[in-house]
Amino acid sequence: MRKPGEIIAGLCFLAIGIGFTVGAVKLRIGAPTEPQPGFFPFWDGVILIALSAVFLFQAWGGRAGESHAFGRLGGPAVVVLALILYVAAMETVGYVITTALLSAVVLKVLETKPRVLVLMSLILAVASYLIFDRLLGVTLPRGLLAAFF
């Protein structure tokens, strides 16, 4: 039996995947040997589109699976909104700041202690910047911190 909620959820994830790919193309994708800032978000969007298509196909045929009640919807909604803002603000604000903020939002939703949240967000943002920009040569948006890098 088809469940409209599952079809709507599949369409929402499909739209998010399309948004990721469009945003990534605007950031420049590059090639596997020379990835640009949009390379990984592009492939994340492509994977999300493919998984959404499979889910929609199953939901349309009534085979999407057993429904289970789950916790609050506020947390996932906040993370999805944070991801949308992350992609929209990265070019202007910069990779390090937006990644730290996104990490903080996700860790807050996961109910991480404040001190751990701040420390892990900063470590993740700076470490991933150093790995991708400095070691791998991927050009990441510097944004507001351009004077320091």
N, C-alpha and C. Protein backbone atom coordinates (compact mmCIF):
# COMPACT_ATOMS: atom_id res chain seq x y z
N MET A 1 0.84 -1.18 0.00
CA MET A 1 0.00 0.00 0.00
C MET A 1 0.89 1.25 0.00
N ARG A 2 0.56 2.17 -0.86
CA ARG A 2 1.32 3.43 -0.93
C ARG A 2 1.04 4.29 0.29
N LYS A 3 2.09 4.91 0.79
CA LYS A 3 1.94 5.82 1.92
C LYS A 3 2.36 7.20 1.46
N PRO A 4 1.43 8.15 1.45
CA PRO A 4 1.76 9.49 0.96
C PRO A 4 2.93 10.14 1.71
N GLY A 5 3.06 9.87 2.99
CA GLY A 5 4.15 10.46 3.76
C GLY A 5 5.51 10.00 3.26
N GLU A 6 5.62 8.73 2.88
CA GLU A 6 6.89 8.22 2.37
C GLU A 6 7.22 8.83 1.01
N ILE A 7 6.20 9.01 0.19
CA ILE A 7 6.42 9.63 -1.13
C ILE A 7 6.84 11.08 -0.95
N ILE A 8 6.21 11.79 -0.03
CA ILE A 8 6.57 13.19 0.23
C ILE A 8 8.00 13.26 0.77
N ALA A 9 8.36 12.37 1.69
CA ALA A 9 9.72 12.36 2.23
C ALA A 9 10.74 12.08 1.12
N GLY A 10 10.44 11.13 0.26
CA GLY A 10 11.33 10.82 -0.86
C GLY A 10 11.50 12.01 -1.79
N LEU A 11 10.41 12.72 -2.05
CA LEU A 11 10.48 13.91 -2.91
C LEU A 11 11.29 15.03 -2.25
N CYS A 12 11.16 15.16 -0.93
CA CYS A 12 11.95 16.17 -0.21
C CYS A 12 13.44 15.87 -0.31
N PHE A 13 13.82 14.61 -0.09
CA PHE A 13 15.24 14.25 -0.20
C PHE A 13 15.73 14.38 -1.63
N LEU A 14 14.87 14.09 -2.59
CA LEU A 14 15.24 14.28 -3.99
C LEU A 14 15.52 15.76 -4.27
N ALA A 15 14.66 16.63 -3.75
CA ALA A 15 14.85 18.08 -3.93
C ALA A 15 16.15 18.55 -3.25
N ILE A 16 16.44 18.02 -2.08
CA ILE A 16 17.68 18.38 -1.39
C ILE A 16 18.89 17.93 -2.20
N GLY A 17 18.83 16.72 -2.75
CA GLY A 17 19.92 16.22 -3.59
C GLY A 17 20.12 17.09 -4.81
N ILE A 18 19.04 17.51 -5.44
CA ILE A 18 19.14 18.39 -6.60
C ILE A 18 19.74 19.73 -6.17
N GLY A 19 19.32 20.24 -5.01
CA GLY A 19 19.88 21.49 -4.49
C GLY A 19 21.38 21.39 -4.25
N PHE A 20 21.81 20.26 -3.70
CA PHE A 20 23.24 20.04 -3.48
C PHE A 20 24.00 20.06 -4.80
N THR A 21 23.50 19.36 -5.81
CA THR A 21 24.23 19.29 -7.07
C THR A 21 24.27 20.65 -7.75
N VAL A 22 23.17 21.40 -7.71
CA VAL A 22 23.15 22.73 -8.32
C VAL A 22 24.12 23.66 -7.58
N GLY A 23 24.08 23.63 -6.24
CA GLY A 23 25.00 24.46 -5.46
C GLY A 23 26.45 24.09 -5.71
N ALA A 24 26.70 22.80 -5.85
CA ALA A 24 28.08 22.34 -6.09
C ALA A 24 28.58 22.77 -7.45
N VAL A 25 27.72 22.75 -8.45
CA VAL A 25 28.13 23.18 -9.79
C VAL A 25 28.50 24.66 -9.76
N LYS A 26 27.78 25.45 -8.97
CA LYS A 26 28.10 26.88 -8.84
C LYS A 26 29.47 27.09 -8.17
N LEU A 27 29.87 26.15 -7.32
CA LEU A 27 31.18 26.24 -6.65
C LEU A 27 32.32 25.72 -7.51
N ARG A 28 32.03 25.09 -8.61
CA ARG A 28 33.00 24.43 -9.50
C ARG A 28 33.30 23.03 -8.98
N ILE A 29 33.18 22.05 -9.86
CA ILE A 29 33.35 20.65 -9.48
C ILE A 29 34.78 20.19 -9.66
N GLY A 30 35.37 20.49 -10.78
CA GLY A 30 36.72 20.01 -11.06
C GLY A 30 36.69 18.57 -11.55
N ALA A 31 37.79 17.87 -11.36
CA ALA A 31 37.92 16.48 -11.80
C ALA A 31 38.44 15.66 -10.62
N PRO A 32 38.32 14.33 -10.70
CA PRO A 32 38.82 13.51 -9.59
C PRO A 32 40.30 13.75 -9.28
N THR A 33 41.08 14.06 -10.30
CA THR A 33 42.50 14.31 -10.06
C THR A 33 42.76 15.73 -9.58
N GLU A 34 41.83 16.65 -9.86
CA GLU A 34 41.94 18.04 -9.43
C GLU A 34 40.57 18.53 -8.95
N PRO A 35 40.11 18.04 -7.77
CA PRO A 35 38.79 18.44 -7.30
C PRO A 35 38.74 19.91 -6.90
N GLN A 36 37.61 20.52 -7.14
CA GLN A 36 37.36 21.90 -6.75
C GLN A 36 36.41 21.89 -5.55
N PRO A 37 36.05 23.06 -5.00
CA PRO A 37 35.22 23.10 -3.79
C PRO A 37 33.88 22.37 -3.91
N GLY A 38 33.31 22.29 -5.10
CA GLY A 38 32.02 21.65 -5.25
C GLY A 38 32.08 20.16 -5.53
N PHE A 39 33.27 19.58 -5.57
CA PHE A 39 33.43 18.18 -5.97
C PHE A 39 32.67 17.23 -5.03
N PHE A 40 32.96 17.29 -3.74
CA PHE A 40 32.32 16.38 -2.80
C PHE A 40 30.83 16.67 -2.60
N PRO A 41 30.41 17.95 -2.48
CA PRO A 41 28.97 18.20 -2.40
C PRO A 41 28.22 17.71 -3.65
N PHE A 42 28.87 17.81 -4.82
CA PHE A 42 28.24 17.33 -6.05
C PHE A 42 27.96 15.83 -5.95
N TRP A 43 28.96 15.07 -5.56
CA TRP A 43 28.78 13.62 -5.49
C TRP A 43 27.85 13.23 -4.35
N ASP A 44 27.86 13.99 -3.26
CA ASP A 44 26.89 13.75 -2.20
C ASP A 44 25.47 13.94 -2.73
N GLY A 45 25.28 15.00 -3.52
CA GLY A 45 23.97 15.24 -4.12
C GLY A 45 23.56 14.14 -5.08
N VAL A 46 24.49 13.68 -5.89
CA VAL A 46 24.20 12.60 -6.84
C VAL A 46 23.79 11.33 -6.09
N ILE A 47 24.52 11.01 -5.02
CA ILE A 47 24.18 9.82 -4.22
C ILE A 47 22.82 9.98 -3.58
N LEU A 48 22.53 11.18 -3.05
CA LEU A 48 21.23 11.43 -2.43
C LEU A 48 20.11 11.32 -3.45
N ILE A 49 20.33 11.81 -4.65
CA ILE A 49 19.33 11.69 -5.71
C ILE A 49 19.08 10.22 -6.03
N ALA A 50 20.15 9.43 -6.16
CA ALA A 50 19.99 8.01 -6.49
C ALA A 50 19.26 7.26 -5.37
N LEU A 51 19.65 7.50 -4.13
CA LEU A 51 18.98 6.83 -3.02
C LEU A 51 17.52 7.27 -2.90
N SER A 52 17.26 8.55 -3.15
CA SER A 52 15.88 9.04 -3.12
C SER A 52 15.04 8.39 -4.21
N ALA A 53 15.64 8.22 -5.39
CA ALA A 53 14.93 7.57 -6.49
C ALA A 53 14.58 6.13 -6.13
N VAL A 54 15.51 5.41 -5.53
CA VAL A 54 15.24 4.03 -5.11
C VAL A 54 14.13 4.02 -4.06
N PHE A 55 14.21 4.92 -3.09
CA PHE A 55 13.19 4.98 -2.04
C PHE A 55 11.83 5.32 -2.64
N LEU A 56 11.79 6.29 -3.56
CA LEU A 56 10.53 6.66 -4.20
C LEU A 56 9.94 5.49 -5.00
N PHE A 57 10.80 4.77 -5.69
CA PHE A 57 10.34 3.60 -6.45
C PHE A 57 9.72 2.57 -5.51
N GLN A 58 10.37 2.32 -4.37
CA GLN A 58 9.83 1.38 -3.40
C GLN A 58 8.56 1.91 -2.75
N ALA A 59 8.54 3.19 -2.41
CA ALA A 59 7.36 3.78 -1.79
C ALA A 59 6.17 3.77 -2.74
N TRP A 60 6.42 4.04 -4.00
CA TRP A 60 5.35 4.04 -4.99
C TRP A 60 4.75 2.64 -5.15
N GLY A 61 5.61 1.64 -5.06
CA GLY A 61 5.14 0.25 -5.17
C GLY A 61 4.62 -0.30 -3.86
N GLY A 62 4.68 0.50 -2.80
CA GLY A 62 4.19 0.06 -1.50
C GLY A 62 5.15 -0.84 -0.76
N ARG A 63 6.44 -0.82 -1.13
CA ARG A 63 7.42 -1.70 -0.51
C ARG A 63 8.48 -0.93 0.26
N ALA A 64 8.21 0.28 0.68
CA ALA A 64 9.24 1.10 1.33
C ALA A 64 9.61 0.61 2.72
N GLY A 65 8.79 -0.22 3.29
CA GLY A 65 9.17 -0.79 4.59
C GLY A 65 8.16 -0.49 5.66
N GLU A 66 8.43 -1.05 6.79
CA GLU A 66 7.59 -0.92 7.96
C GLU A 66 7.71 0.48 8.53
N SER A 67 6.60 1.07 8.92
CA SER A 67 6.64 2.38 9.55
C SER A 67 6.95 2.22 11.02
N HIS A 68 7.84 3.04 11.51
CA HIS A 68 8.19 3.04 12.91
C HIS A 68 8.06 4.45 13.45
N ALA A 69 7.46 4.55 14.62
CA ALA A 69 7.40 5.86 15.26
C ALA A 69 8.80 6.21 15.73
N PHE A 70 9.17 7.45 15.59
CA PHE A 70 10.49 7.86 16.04
C PHE A 70 10.37 9.20 16.74
N GLY A 71 11.47 9.65 17.28
CA GLY A 71 11.52 10.85 18.11
C GLY A 71 11.13 12.11 17.40
N ARG A 72 11.67 13.17 17.90
CA ARG A 72 11.33 14.50 17.41
C ARG A 72 11.77 14.70 15.97
N LEU A 73 11.01 15.47 15.24
CA LEU A 73 11.38 15.84 13.88
C LEU A 73 12.17 17.14 13.85
N GLY A 74 12.22 17.84 14.96
CA GLY A 74 12.92 19.13 15.01
C GLY A 74 14.40 19.02 14.72
N GLY A 75 15.05 18.00 15.27
CA GLY A 75 16.49 17.82 15.06
C GLY A 75 16.86 17.64 13.61
N PRO A 76 16.24 16.65 12.93
CA PRO A 76 16.55 16.48 11.50
C PRO A 76 16.21 17.71 10.66
N ALA A 77 15.14 18.39 11.00
CA ALA A 77 14.76 19.59 10.26
C ALA A 77 15.82 20.68 10.43
N VAL A 78 16.34 20.81 11.64
CA VAL A 78 17.39 21.80 11.89
C VAL A 78 18.65 21.46 11.10
N VAL A 79 19.01 20.17 11.05
CA VAL A 79 20.20 19.76 10.30
C VAL A 79 20.03 20.01 8.81
N VAL A 80 18.86 19.71 8.26
CA VAL A 80 18.60 19.97 6.83
C VAL A 80 18.69 21.46 6.54
N LEU A 81 18.09 22.28 7.39
CA LEU A 81 18.17 23.74 7.21
C LEU A 81 19.62 24.21 7.31
N ALA A 82 20.37 23.65 8.26
CA ALA A 82 21.78 24.03 8.41
C ALA A 82 22.58 23.64 7.17
N LEU A 83 22.30 22.49 6.57
CA LEU A 83 23.00 22.08 5.35
C LEU A 83 22.70 23.03 4.19
N ILE A 84 21.46 23.44 4.08
CA ILE A 84 21.08 24.38 3.02
C ILE A 84 21.80 25.71 3.21
N LEU A 85 21.82 26.21 4.44
CA LEU A 85 22.52 27.46 4.73
C LEU A 85 24.03 27.31 4.54
N TYR A 86 24.56 26.15 4.85
CA TYR A 86 25.98 25.85 4.69
C TYR A 86 26.39 26.02 3.23
N VAL A 87 25.64 25.41 2.35
CA VAL A 87 25.95 25.50 0.92
C VAL A 87 25.78 26.94 0.43
N ALA A 88 24.72 27.61 0.89
CA ALA A 88 24.45 28.97 0.43
C ALA A 88 25.49 29.97 0.91
N ALA A 89 26.03 29.77 2.11
CA ALA A 89 26.93 30.76 2.70
C ALA A 89 28.42 30.46 2.53
N MET A 90 28.76 29.27 2.06
CA MET A 90 30.17 28.88 2.05
C MET A 90 31.04 29.82 1.23
N GLU A 91 30.61 30.20 0.05
CA GLU A 91 31.44 31.05 -0.81
C GLU A 91 31.70 32.41 -0.17
N THR A 92 30.70 32.98 0.47
CA THR A 92 30.84 34.31 1.07
C THR A 92 31.52 34.26 2.43
N VAL A 93 31.07 33.39 3.29
CA VAL A 93 31.57 33.33 4.67
C VAL A 93 32.88 32.56 4.74
N GLY A 94 33.02 31.54 3.93
CA GLY A 94 34.24 30.75 3.91
C GLY A 94 34.06 29.35 4.47
N TYR A 95 34.94 28.46 4.05
CA TYR A 95 34.84 27.05 4.42
C TYR A 95 35.00 26.82 5.92
N VAL A 96 36.00 27.41 6.52
CA VAL A 96 36.31 27.12 7.92
C VAL A 96 35.16 27.54 8.83
N ILE A 97 34.65 28.75 8.64
CA ILE A 97 33.57 29.24 9.51
C ILE A 97 32.29 28.45 9.30
N THR A 98 31.90 28.23 8.03
CA THR A 98 30.65 27.51 7.78
C THR A 98 30.74 26.06 8.23
N THR A 99 31.89 25.44 8.06
CA THR A 99 32.05 24.05 8.50
C THR A 99 32.00 23.95 10.02
N ALA A 100 32.62 24.90 10.71
CA ALA A 100 32.57 24.91 12.17
C ALA A 100 31.14 25.10 12.66
N LEU A 101 30.40 26.01 12.01
CA LEU A 101 29.01 26.24 12.42
C LEU A 101 28.12 25.03 12.12
N LEU A 102 28.31 24.43 10.96
CA LEU A 102 27.52 23.24 10.63
C LEU A 102 27.82 22.11 11.61
N SER A 103 29.09 21.91 11.91
CA SER A 103 29.47 20.87 12.88
C SER A 103 28.85 21.15 14.24
N ALA A 104 28.86 22.40 14.65
CA ALA A 104 28.27 22.77 15.94
C ALA A 104 26.77 22.48 15.96
N VAL A 105 26.08 22.78 14.87
CA VAL A 105 24.64 22.52 14.80
C VAL A 105 24.37 21.02 14.90
N VAL A 106 25.10 20.24 14.13
CA VAL A 106 24.89 18.78 14.16
C VAL A 106 25.20 18.22 15.55
N LEU A 107 26.29 18.67 16.15
CA LEU A 107 26.64 18.18 17.48
C LEU A 107 25.62 18.63 18.54
N LYS A 108 25.05 19.82 18.37
CA LYS A 108 24.01 20.31 19.28
C LYS A 108 22.77 19.44 19.17
N VAL A 109 22.39 19.10 17.93
CA VAL A 109 21.22 18.23 17.72
C VAL A 109 21.47 16.86 18.37
N LEU A 110 22.72 16.41 18.34
CA LEU A 110 23.08 15.14 18.96
C LEU A 110 23.28 15.25 20.47
N GLU A 111 23.00 16.44 21.01
CA GLU A 111 23.05 16.72 22.44
C GLU A 111 24.44 16.51 23.05
N THR A 112 25.44 17.03 22.33
CA THR A 112 26.83 16.97 22.81
C THR A 112 27.05 18.06 23.85
N LYS A 113 27.91 17.79 24.80
CA LYS A 113 28.22 18.78 25.83
C LYS A 113 28.84 20.01 25.18
N PRO A 114 28.55 21.22 25.70
CA PRO A 114 29.02 22.45 25.06
C PRO A 114 30.52 22.54 24.83
N ARG A 115 31.32 22.15 25.79
CA ARG A 115 32.77 22.26 25.64
C ARG A 115 33.26 21.32 24.53
N VAL A 116 32.72 20.11 24.49
CA VAL A 116 33.09 19.15 23.45
C VAL A 116 32.60 19.65 22.09
N LEU A 117 31.40 20.22 22.05
CA LEU A 117 30.83 20.75 20.83
C LEU A 117 31.74 21.81 20.21
N VAL A 118 32.17 22.77 21.01
CA VAL A 118 33.02 23.85 20.50
C VAL A 118 34.37 23.30 20.05
N LEU A 119 34.98 22.48 20.88
CA LEU A 119 36.29 21.93 20.56
C LEU A 119 36.25 21.06 19.30
N MET A 120 35.30 20.17 19.21
CA MET A 120 35.22 19.27 18.05
C MET A 120 34.88 20.05 16.77
N SER A 121 34.01 21.04 16.86
CA SER A 121 33.65 21.84 15.69
C SER A 121 34.88 22.57 15.13
N LEU A 122 35.65 23.16 16.02
CA LEU A 122 36.86 23.87 15.58
C LEU A 122 37.90 22.91 15.02
N ILE A 123 38.11 21.80 15.70
CA ILE A 123 39.09 20.82 15.22
C ILE A 123 38.69 20.29 13.85
N LEU A 124 37.43 19.93 13.68
CA LEU A 124 36.96 19.40 12.40
C LEU A 124 37.13 20.42 11.28
N ALA A 125 36.75 21.66 11.54
CA ALA A 125 36.83 22.68 10.49
C ALA A 125 38.28 22.97 10.10
N VAL A 126 39.14 23.17 11.09
CA VAL A 126 40.53 23.51 10.79
C VAL A 126 41.28 22.32 10.20
N ALA A 127 41.08 21.13 10.78
CA ALA A 127 41.78 19.95 10.29
C ALA A 127 41.37 19.61 8.86
N SER A 128 40.07 19.65 8.57
CA SER A 128 39.63 19.33 7.21
C SER A 128 40.12 20.40 6.22
N TYR A 129 40.18 21.66 6.65
CA TYR A 129 40.73 22.71 5.79
C TYR A 129 42.19 22.42 5.48
N LEU A 130 42.96 22.12 6.51
CA LEU A 130 44.38 21.85 6.31
C LEU A 130 44.61 20.63 5.41
N ILE A 131 43.83 19.60 5.61
CA ILE A 131 43.98 18.39 4.79
C ILE A 131 43.64 18.68 3.34
N PHE A 132 42.47 19.27 3.10
CA PHE A 132 42.03 19.46 1.71
C PHE A 132 42.74 20.61 1.02
N ASP A 133 42.85 21.75 1.68
CA ASP A 133 43.44 22.91 1.02
C ASP A 133 44.96 22.83 0.96
N ARG A 134 45.59 22.51 2.06
CA ARG A 134 47.05 22.53 2.11
C ARG A 134 47.69 21.24 1.59
N LEU A 135 47.21 20.09 2.04
CA LEU A 135 47.84 18.83 1.65
C LEU A 135 47.39 18.34 0.28
N LEU A 136 46.08 18.42 0.00
CA LEU A 136 45.57 17.89 -1.26
C LEU A 136 45.45 18.95 -2.36
N GLY A 137 45.61 20.21 -2.00
CA GLY A 137 45.57 21.28 -3.00
C GLY A 137 44.19 21.62 -3.52
N VAL A 138 43.14 21.27 -2.77
CA VAL A 138 41.77 21.62 -3.16
C VAL A 138 41.52 23.06 -2.74
N THR A 139 41.12 23.90 -3.67
CA THR A 139 40.85 25.29 -3.36
C THR A 139 39.51 25.39 -2.65
N LEU A 140 39.55 25.84 -1.41
CA LEU A 140 38.33 26.01 -0.62
C LEU A 140 38.08 27.50 -0.41
N PRO A 141 36.80 27.92 -0.36
CA PRO A 141 36.51 29.34 -0.17
C PRO A 141 37.05 29.84 1.18
N ARG A 142 37.79 30.94 1.14
CA ARG A 142 38.37 31.49 2.37
C ARG A 142 37.43 32.47 3.04
N GLY A 143 36.61 33.15 2.29
CA GLY A 143 35.59 34.04 2.83
C GLY A 143 36.13 35.10 3.76
N LEU A 144 35.52 35.21 4.93
CA LEU A 144 35.85 36.26 5.90
C LEU A 144 37.24 36.11 6.50
N LEU A 145 37.81 34.92 6.41
CA LEU A 145 39.14 34.69 6.99
C LEU A 145 40.26 34.78 5.93
N ALA A 146 39.97 35.35 4.78
CA ALA A 146 40.95 35.41 3.69
C ALA A 146 42.25 36.10 4.10
N ALA A 147 42.17 37.10 4.98
CA ALA A 147 43.37 37.82 5.40
C ALA A 147 44.30 36.96 6.26
N PHE A 148 43.76 35.90 6.86
CA PHE A 148 44.56 35.06 7.76
C PHE A 148 45.14 33.83 7.08
N PHE A 149 44.68 33.50 5.87
CA PHE A 149 45.14 32.28 5.20
C PHE A 149 45.97 32.63 3.99
